[in-house]
Amino acid sequence: MKFYEKDRMQSLPVRDAVGKMLLHDITRIVPDVFKGPAFRKGHIITEGDVDQLLDLGKQHVYVACLNGEIHENDAALRIARAAAGKNIALSDPKEGKVGFSARTFGLLKIHVEGLAQLNSIPEVICATMHTNQTVDPGQDLAGTRVIPLSIDENHIMAAENVCETFFPIIEIKPFVRMDVGLVVTGSEVFSGRIRDGFGPVVQKKFEALGSRIMDKKIVSDDMDMTVAAIKDFLDSGAKFIAVTGGMSVDPDDLTPAAIKKAGGEVVFYGAPVLPGAMFLLAYIKDVPVIGLPGCVMYYRASIFDLVVPRLLAGETVTHKDIIHMGHGGFCTACKTCRYPQCSFGK
């Protein structure tokens, strides 16, 4: 808390304190009914407050003299407005804090470097959730405030300049609804020896993100059959293709080679994420094609949940992005999965 020097603190008659900031809580007591603050420290006194203050027995109050400074509520609102990008709702200032919440379902994006620069400004703070998370409408995402009851306007101007430089500090990218072609590989599934357990899992995950499986093709562990299935989906207008299984180094696992033969330009094959090390991302023109290892079928959270939401939000995931996933990329396989309320992917 900033300490107010004597020349910045005054005891004034209530009627003379209108428009000034209260420097102490004022308590209201109704016997056997209520005891609590009628006015809180930091409140700006209005004409409508005068009679109530007098009724509470307050002839004089301690107020701050704001010389070139901004009240904490006004300061927080200015920072929040400067930081917020698309699909972010702001709360009204309360006790010096403004909250950020989601207007839509989508991918939360935090400009991490910009946030660090914002928090380097004296007496300014902004705290957020981790970036690249799926968020729901109405979900609380962040909060900002200043430390003292009033702050030098130069600090707020500096905060606004940082937000302009790195704009937006916080935003939500809505997911694009895509038609997804699903290729399930495996001779054991193709022959009917076992039931497909992979396809339903992948379908559920895509539908949870707002996309749909346009069709599912089950193919044997055969290069040409897998390539043909991928090309059929491209010809049918698929905007996203997922190929399940066949991602290990076993002789029969041909999915990576099939994706390349179908025209895929591989961004990466292999990722520092567990579960999900054998994941592949490629593009055929502008259509993302992913190769999904078997762990996606067995674990509630895997590399699918770290990469696919970003692709559906229209982002380009680079090899550098994947390298950085190693920090936080280890799932501890909790007995009761709490993802995303855990460290995985953060």
Protein backbone atom coordinates (compact mmCIF):
# COMPACT_ATOMS: atom_id res chain seq x y z
CA MET A 1 0.00 0.00 0.00
CA LYS A 2 1.25 3.47 -0.82
CA PHE A 3 1.54 5.73 2.25
CA TYR A 4 0.03 9.14 1.88
CA GLU A 5 2.09 12.12 2.94
CA LYS A 6 0.42 14.77 5.07
CA ASP A 7 0.03 17.13 2.17
CA ARG A 8 -1.88 14.42 0.28
CA MET A 9 -4.28 13.60 3.12
CA GLN A 10 -6.87 15.94 4.55
CA SER A 11 -9.59 15.88 7.17
CA LEU A 12 -12.52 17.69 5.59
CA PRO A 13 -16.13 18.40 6.52
CA VAL A 14 -18.32 15.87 4.75
CA ARG A 15 -19.95 18.49 2.52
CA ASP A 16 -16.52 19.71 1.40
CA ALA A 17 -15.32 16.17 0.63
CA VAL A 18 -17.55 15.61 -2.41
CA GLY A 19 -15.50 14.40 -5.36
CA LYS A 20 -12.59 13.26 -3.21
CA MET A 21 -11.36 9.77 -2.38
CA LEU A 22 -12.11 8.28 1.03
CA LEU A 23 -9.02 6.96 2.82
CA HIS A 24 -10.74 4.71 5.37
CA ASP A 25 -13.71 2.35 5.66
CA ILE A 26 -16.84 3.72 7.31
CA THR A 27 -18.89 1.13 9.17
CA ARG A 28 -22.66 0.96 9.43
CA ILE A 29 -24.23 -0.90 12.36
CA VAL A 30 -27.87 -1.91 12.72
CA PRO A 31 -28.23 -3.70 16.08
CA ASP A 32 -28.93 -7.41 15.69
CA VAL A 33 -29.27 -6.97 11.91
CA PHE A 34 -26.13 -5.75 10.17
CA LYS A 35 -22.56 -4.67 10.72
CA GLY A 36 -20.34 -3.90 7.78
CA PRO A 37 -18.86 -1.21 5.55
CA ALA A 38 -21.24 1.45 4.34
CA PHE A 39 -18.37 3.03 2.43
CA ARG A 40 -15.06 1.44 1.58
CA LYS A 41 -11.63 2.96 1.41
CA GLY A 42 -11.08 4.32 -2.08
CA HIS A 43 -14.72 5.37 -2.59
CA ILE A 44 -15.23 8.69 -4.38
CA ILE A 45 -17.69 10.70 -2.29
CA THR A 46 -20.76 12.02 -4.15
CA GLU A 47 -23.46 14.53 -3.27
CA GLY A 48 -25.79 11.61 -2.67
CA ASP A 49 -23.46 10.24 0.02
CA VAL A 50 -23.48 13.35 2.21
CA ASP A 51 -26.74 12.72 4.11
CA GLN A 52 -25.89 9.06 4.71
CA LEU A 53 -22.46 9.99 6.09
CA LEU A 54 -24.04 12.54 8.41
CA ASP A 55 -26.60 9.94 9.52
CA LEU A 56 -23.67 7.68 10.40
CA GLY A 57 -22.29 10.41 12.65
CA LYS A 58 -19.50 11.47 10.34
CA GLN A 59 -18.96 15.21 10.38
CA HIS A 60 -15.44 14.93 8.96
CA VAL A 61 -13.67 12.32 6.82
CA TYR A 62 -10.09 11.70 5.73
CA VAL A 63 -9.72 12.10 1.97
CA ALA A 64 -6.89 12.02 -0.53
CA CYS A 65 -5.86 14.91 -2.68
CA LEU A 66 -5.30 13.55 -6.20
CA ASN A 67 -2.75 15.84 -7.78
CA GLY A 68 -1.92 14.35 -11.17
CA GLU A 69 -3.08 10.93 -9.96
CA ILE A 70 -5.91 8.57 -10.92
CA HIS A 71 -8.22 6.64 -8.63
CA GLU A 72 -7.58 2.88 -8.57
CA ASN A 73 -10.92 2.00 -10.22
CA ASP A 74 -10.37 4.39 -13.12
CA ALA A 75 -6.79 3.22 -13.51
CA ALA A 76 -7.73 -0.47 -13.62
CA LEU A 77 -10.44 0.18 -16.18
CA ARG A 78 -8.04 2.06 -18.45
CA ILE A 79 -5.52 -0.79 -18.30
CA ALA A 80 -8.19 -3.41 -18.95
CA ARG A 81 -9.62 -1.56 -21.94
CA ALA A 82 -6.14 -1.18 -23.42
CA ALA A 83 -5.25 -4.86 -22.90
CA ALA A 84 -8.46 -6.55 -24.03
CA GLY A 85 -8.78 -7.84 -27.58
CA LYS A 86 -11.58 -9.67 -29.35
CA ASN A 87 -14.24 -11.64 -27.49
CA ILE A 88 -13.24 -10.36 -24.04
CA ALA A 89 -15.80 -8.92 -21.61
CA LEU A 90 -14.76 -6.59 -18.80
CA SER A 91 -16.35 -6.33 -15.38
CA ASP A 92 -17.16 -3.09 -13.65
CA PRO A 93 -14.35 -1.94 -11.35
CA LYS A 94 -14.73 -3.29 -7.82
CA GLU A 95 -12.35 -2.50 -5.00
CA GLY A 96 -9.78 -1.43 -7.55
CA LYS A 97 -9.93 -4.55 -9.75
CA VAL A 98 -11.34 -5.20 -13.22
CA GLY A 99 -11.95 -8.77 -14.35
CA PHE A 100 -11.72 -10.26 -17.86
CA SER A 101 -14.10 -13.01 -18.97
CA ALA A 102 -14.84 -14.91 -22.17
CA ARG A 103 -17.60 -13.82 -24.53
CA THR A 104 -17.35 -16.97 -26.64
CA PHE A 105 -16.11 -20.55 -26.80
CA GLY A 106 -12.62 -20.63 -28.22
CA LEU A 107 -8.87 -20.54 -27.67
CA LEU A 108 -7.48 -18.17 -25.06
CA LYS A 109 -4.45 -16.25 -26.30
CA ILE A 110 -2.17 -14.34 -23.95
CA HIS A 111 0.70 -12.26 -25.32
CA VAL A 112 3.17 -13.56 -22.75
CA GLU A 113 5.96 -11.08 -23.51
CA GLY A 114 3.52 -8.18 -23.51
CA LEU A 115 2.07 -9.33 -20.20
CA ALA A 116 5.55 -9.38 -18.67
CA GLN A 117 6.20 -5.85 -19.93
CA LEU A 118 2.87 -4.69 -18.50
CA ASN A 119 3.70 -6.13 -15.08
CA SER A 120 7.11 -4.44 -15.13
CA ILE A 121 5.44 -1.02 -14.82
CA PRO A 122 5.55 0.20 -11.22
CA GLU A 123 2.34 -0.34 -9.20
CA VAL A 124 0.53 -2.10 -12.10
CA ILE A 125 -0.43 -5.79 -12.08
CA CYS A 126 -2.28 -8.08 -14.47
CA ALA A 127 -2.75 -11.82 -13.80
CA THR A 128 -4.09 -14.27 -16.40
CA MET A 129 -4.71 -17.94 -17.04
CA HIS A 130 -2.16 -19.80 -19.13
CA THR A 131 -2.30 -19.14 -22.85
CA ASN A 132 -3.59 -21.63 -25.47
CA GLN A 133 -6.38 -23.05 -23.32
CA THR A 134 -9.89 -23.87 -24.48
CA VAL A 135 -12.32 -21.61 -22.62
CA ASP A 136 -16.10 -21.39 -22.33
CA PRO A 137 -18.41 -18.36 -22.51
CA GLY A 138 -18.55 -16.52 -19.20
CA GLN A 139 -15.36 -18.11 -17.88
CA ASP A 140 -13.13 -15.82 -15.80
CA LEU A 141 -9.75 -15.39 -17.46
CA ALA A 142 -7.77 -12.60 -15.85
CA GLY A 143 -7.78 -9.57 -13.59
CA THR A 144 -5.95 -6.27 -13.42
CA ARG A 145 -5.52 -3.59 -10.79
CA VAL A 146 -3.06 -1.05 -9.43
CA ILE A 147 -1.45 -1.46 -6.02
CA PRO A 148 -2.18 1.92 -4.36
CA LEU A 149 -5.53 3.67 -3.98
CA SER A 150 -4.36 6.22 -6.51
CA ILE A 151 -1.58 6.10 -9.05
CA ASP A 152 0.50 8.54 -11.05
CA GLU A 153 -1.17 8.92 -14.44
CA ASN A 154 2.22 8.53 -16.11
CA HIS A 155 2.26 4.88 -15.01
CA ILE A 156 -1.14 4.30 -16.60
CA MET A 157 -0.03 5.97 -19.81
CA ALA A 158 3.01 3.69 -19.84
CA ALA A 159 0.73 0.67 -19.35
CA GLU A 160 -1.47 1.80 -22.24
CA ASN A 161 1.61 2.19 -24.46
CA VAL A 162 2.72 -1.37 -23.64
CA CYS A 163 -0.76 -2.68 -24.47
CA GLU A 164 -0.73 -0.80 -27.77
CA THR A 165 2.70 -2.21 -28.66
CA PHE A 166 1.76 -5.81 -27.88
CA PHE A 167 -1.97 -5.58 -28.63
CA PRO A 168 -3.88 -7.59 -27.74
CA ILE A 169 -2.53 -8.73 -24.41
CA ILE A 170 -5.53 -11.05 -24.07
CA GLU A 171 -8.09 -12.29 -26.61
CA ILE A 172 -10.10 -15.35 -27.60
CA LYS A 173 -9.91 -16.89 -31.05
CA PRO A 174 -13.19 -18.70 -31.87
CA PHE A 175 -12.90 -22.20 -33.26
CA VAL A 176 -13.66 -22.66 -36.94
CA ARG A 177 -16.19 -25.40 -37.64
CA MET A 178 -14.44 -27.81 -40.00
CA ASP A 179 -15.43 -30.93 -41.92
CA VAL A 180 -12.94 -33.58 -40.81
CA GLY A 181 -12.03 -36.70 -42.74
CA LEU A 182 -11.12 -39.58 -40.44
CA VAL A 183 -8.88 -42.41 -41.67
CA VAL A 184 -8.60 -45.36 -39.30
CA THR A 185 -5.69 -47.66 -40.10
CA GLY A 186 -5.09 -51.21 -38.96
CA SER A 187 -5.44 -54.61 -40.59
CA GLU A 188 -7.08 -55.99 -37.45
CA VAL A 189 -9.84 -53.34 -37.65
CA PHE A 190 -10.17 -53.52 -41.44
CA SER A 191 -10.62 -57.30 -41.33
CA GLY A 192 -13.21 -57.06 -38.57
CA ARG A 193 -11.12 -58.98 -36.05
CA ILE A 194 -11.54 -56.14 -33.54
CA ARG A 195 -13.92 -53.21 -33.29
CA ASP A 196 -12.66 -49.71 -34.00
CA GLY A 197 -12.08 -48.04 -30.63
CA PHE A 198 -10.02 -45.13 -31.97
CA GLY A 199 -12.56 -43.48 -34.27
CA PRO A 200 -15.22 -42.78 -31.60
CA VAL A 201 -12.64 -41.13 -29.33
CA VAL A 202 -11.38 -38.84 -32.09
CA GLN A 203 -14.92 -38.02 -33.19
CA LYS A 204 -15.89 -37.02 -29.66
CA LYS A 205 -12.85 -34.78 -29.34
CA PHE A 206 -13.49 -32.96 -32.63
CA GLU A 207 -17.19 -32.53 -31.89
CA ALA A 208 -16.35 -31.05 -28.48
CA LEU A 209 -14.39 -28.38 -30.35
CA GLY A 210 -17.28 -27.60 -32.71
CA SER A 211 -16.20 -29.56 -35.80
CA ARG A 212 -17.72 -32.69 -37.34
CA ILE A 213 -16.48 -35.95 -38.79
CA MET A 214 -17.77 -35.89 -42.37
CA ASP A 215 -16.97 -39.59 -42.87
CA LYS A 216 -14.76 -42.38 -41.58
CA LYS A 217 -12.70 -44.69 -43.81
CA ILE A 218 -11.19 -47.85 -42.33
CA VAL A 219 -8.12 -49.08 -44.21
CA SER A 220 -5.66 -51.92 -43.83
CA ASP A 221 -1.96 -51.45 -43.07
CA ASP A 222 -1.43 -50.74 -46.74
CA MET A 223 0.34 -47.70 -48.15
CA ASP A 224 -1.74 -47.29 -51.30
CA MET A 225 -5.05 -47.82 -49.49
CA THR A 226 -4.19 -45.15 -46.91
CA VAL A 227 -3.03 -42.70 -49.58
CA ALA A 228 -6.24 -43.27 -51.55
CA ALA A 229 -8.38 -42.61 -48.48
CA ILE A 230 -6.58 -39.31 -47.78
CA LYS A 231 -6.94 -38.19 -51.40
CA ASP A 232 -10.63 -39.14 -51.45
CA PHE A 233 -11.23 -36.86 -48.48
CA LEU A 234 -9.37 -34.01 -50.16
CA ASP A 235 -11.49 -34.46 -53.30
CA SER A 236 -14.64 -34.45 -51.11
CA GLY A 237 -13.75 -31.05 -49.62
CA ALA A 238 -12.38 -32.04 -46.21
CA LYS A 239 -10.78 -29.09 -44.42
CA PHE A 240 -8.95 -31.27 -41.90
CA ILE A 241 -7.79 -34.90 -42.03
CA ALA A 242 -6.95 -37.14 -39.08
CA VAL A 243 -5.23 -40.49 -39.56
CA THR A 244 -5.25 -42.80 -36.56
CA GLY A 245 -2.76 -45.53 -35.76
CA GLY A 246 0.30 -46.78 -37.60
CA MET A 247 2.53 -44.09 -36.08
CA SER A 248 5.23 -46.18 -34.39
CA VAL A 249 8.43 -47.60 -35.88
CA ASP A 250 7.01 -51.10 -36.37
CA PRO A 251 7.43 -52.45 -39.94
CA ASP A 252 3.65 -52.49 -40.47
CA ASP A 253 3.16 -48.89 -39.31
CA LEU A 254 3.09 -46.90 -42.53
CA THR A 255 1.00 -43.83 -41.68
CA PRO A 256 3.80 -41.20 -41.79
CA ALA A 257 5.01 -42.49 -45.16
CA ALA A 258 1.44 -42.59 -46.50
CA ILE A 259 0.79 -38.98 -45.47
CA LYS A 260 3.97 -37.91 -47.27
CA LYS A 261 3.07 -39.92 -50.37
CA ALA A 262 -0.38 -38.27 -50.44
CA GLY A 263 1.36 -34.91 -50.78
CA GLY A 264 1.83 -33.96 -47.14
CA GLU A 265 4.56 -31.50 -46.23
CA VAL A 266 5.56 -32.57 -42.74
CA VAL A 267 5.93 -29.80 -40.15
CA PHE A 268 7.08 -32.23 -37.49
CA TYR A 269 7.02 -35.92 -36.69
CA GLY A 270 7.72 -36.60 -33.04
CA ALA A 271 7.07 -34.22 -30.17
CA PRO A 272 8.44 -33.72 -26.63
CA VAL A 273 5.04 -34.55 -25.16
CA LEU A 274 4.05 -37.62 -23.17
CA PRO A 275 1.55 -38.95 -24.07
CA GLY A 276 1.93 -38.04 -27.72
CA ALA A 277 5.57 -38.46 -28.73
CA MET A 278 4.76 -40.06 -32.11
CA PHE A 279 2.37 -37.32 -33.26
CA LEU A 280 2.72 -35.96 -36.80
CA LEU A 281 1.52 -32.70 -38.34
CA ALA A 282 1.61 -32.08 -42.07
CA TYR A 283 -0.18 -29.90 -44.62
CA ILE A 284 -1.50 -30.79 -48.04
CA LYS A 285 -1.85 -27.33 -49.51
CA ASP A 286 -3.78 -25.55 -46.73
CA VAL A 287 -5.41 -28.67 -45.24
CA PRO A 288 -3.87 -29.86 -41.96
CA VAL A 289 -3.27 -33.60 -41.78
CA ILE A 290 -2.46 -35.17 -38.42
CA GLY A 291 -1.16 -38.63 -37.59
CA LEU A 292 -2.44 -39.75 -34.20
CA PRO A 293 -0.56 -42.30 -32.10
CA GLY A 294 -2.45 -44.87 -30.05
CA CYS A 295 -2.03 -42.94 -26.79
CA VAL A 296 -4.70 -40.49 -27.95
CA MET A 297 -7.22 -43.33 -27.67
CA TYR A 298 -6.22 -44.26 -24.13
CA TYR A 299 -5.49 -40.98 -22.34
CA ARG A 300 -8.07 -38.31 -21.65
CA ALA A 301 -5.44 -35.60 -22.28
CA SER A 302 -2.67 -35.94 -24.85
CA ILE A 303 -0.91 -33.97 -27.54
CA PHE A 304 -4.21 -33.87 -29.45
CA ASP A 305 -5.55 -31.49 -26.82
CA LEU A 306 -2.49 -29.24 -27.08
CA VAL A 307 -2.25 -28.94 -30.86
CA VAL A 308 -5.66 -29.49 -32.47
CA PRO A 309 -7.48 -26.61 -30.71
CA ARG A 310 -4.82 -24.22 -32.01
CA LEU A 311 -5.27 -25.53 -35.56
CA LEU A 312 -9.06 -25.18 -35.32
CA ALA A 313 -8.59 -21.59 -34.13
CA GLY A 314 -6.78 -20.85 -37.38
CA GLU A 315 -3.27 -20.81 -35.96
CA THR A 316 -0.16 -22.13 -37.65
CA VAL A 317 1.69 -24.47 -35.28
CA THR A 318 5.40 -24.42 -36.03
CA HIS A 319 8.26 -26.75 -35.21
CA LYS A 320 9.45 -24.13 -32.70
CA ASP A 321 6.06 -24.23 -30.99
CA ILE A 322 6.38 -27.99 -30.62
CA ILE A 323 9.88 -27.75 -29.18
CA HIS A 324 8.61 -25.44 -26.43
CA MET A 325 5.90 -27.93 -25.48
CA GLY A 326 8.53 -30.02 -23.71
CA HIS A 327 8.23 -27.73 -20.66
CA GLY A 328 4.93 -28.91 -19.20
CA GLY A 329 4.56 -31.68 -21.76
CA PHE A 330 4.72 -34.52 -19.24
CA CYS A 331 1.38 -35.90 -18.03
CA THR A 332 1.61 -37.35 -14.53
CA ALA A 333 -1.27 -39.77 -15.24
CA CYS A 334 -3.31 -38.88 -12.15
CA LYS A 335 -5.74 -41.54 -11.03
CA THR A 336 -8.52 -39.01 -11.54
CA CYS A 337 -7.77 -36.83 -14.57
CA ARG A 338 -8.29 -33.12 -13.86
CA TYR A 339 -7.17 -31.77 -17.23
CA PRO A 340 -7.10 -28.86 -17.99
CA GLN A 341 -6.90 -27.99 -14.29
CA CYS A 342 -3.34 -29.30 -14.06
CA SER A 343 0.19 -28.62 -15.27
CA PHE A 344 -0.04 -30.61 -18.52
CA GLY A 345 0.66 -28.48 -21.54
CA LYS A 346 1.44 -25.34 -19.54
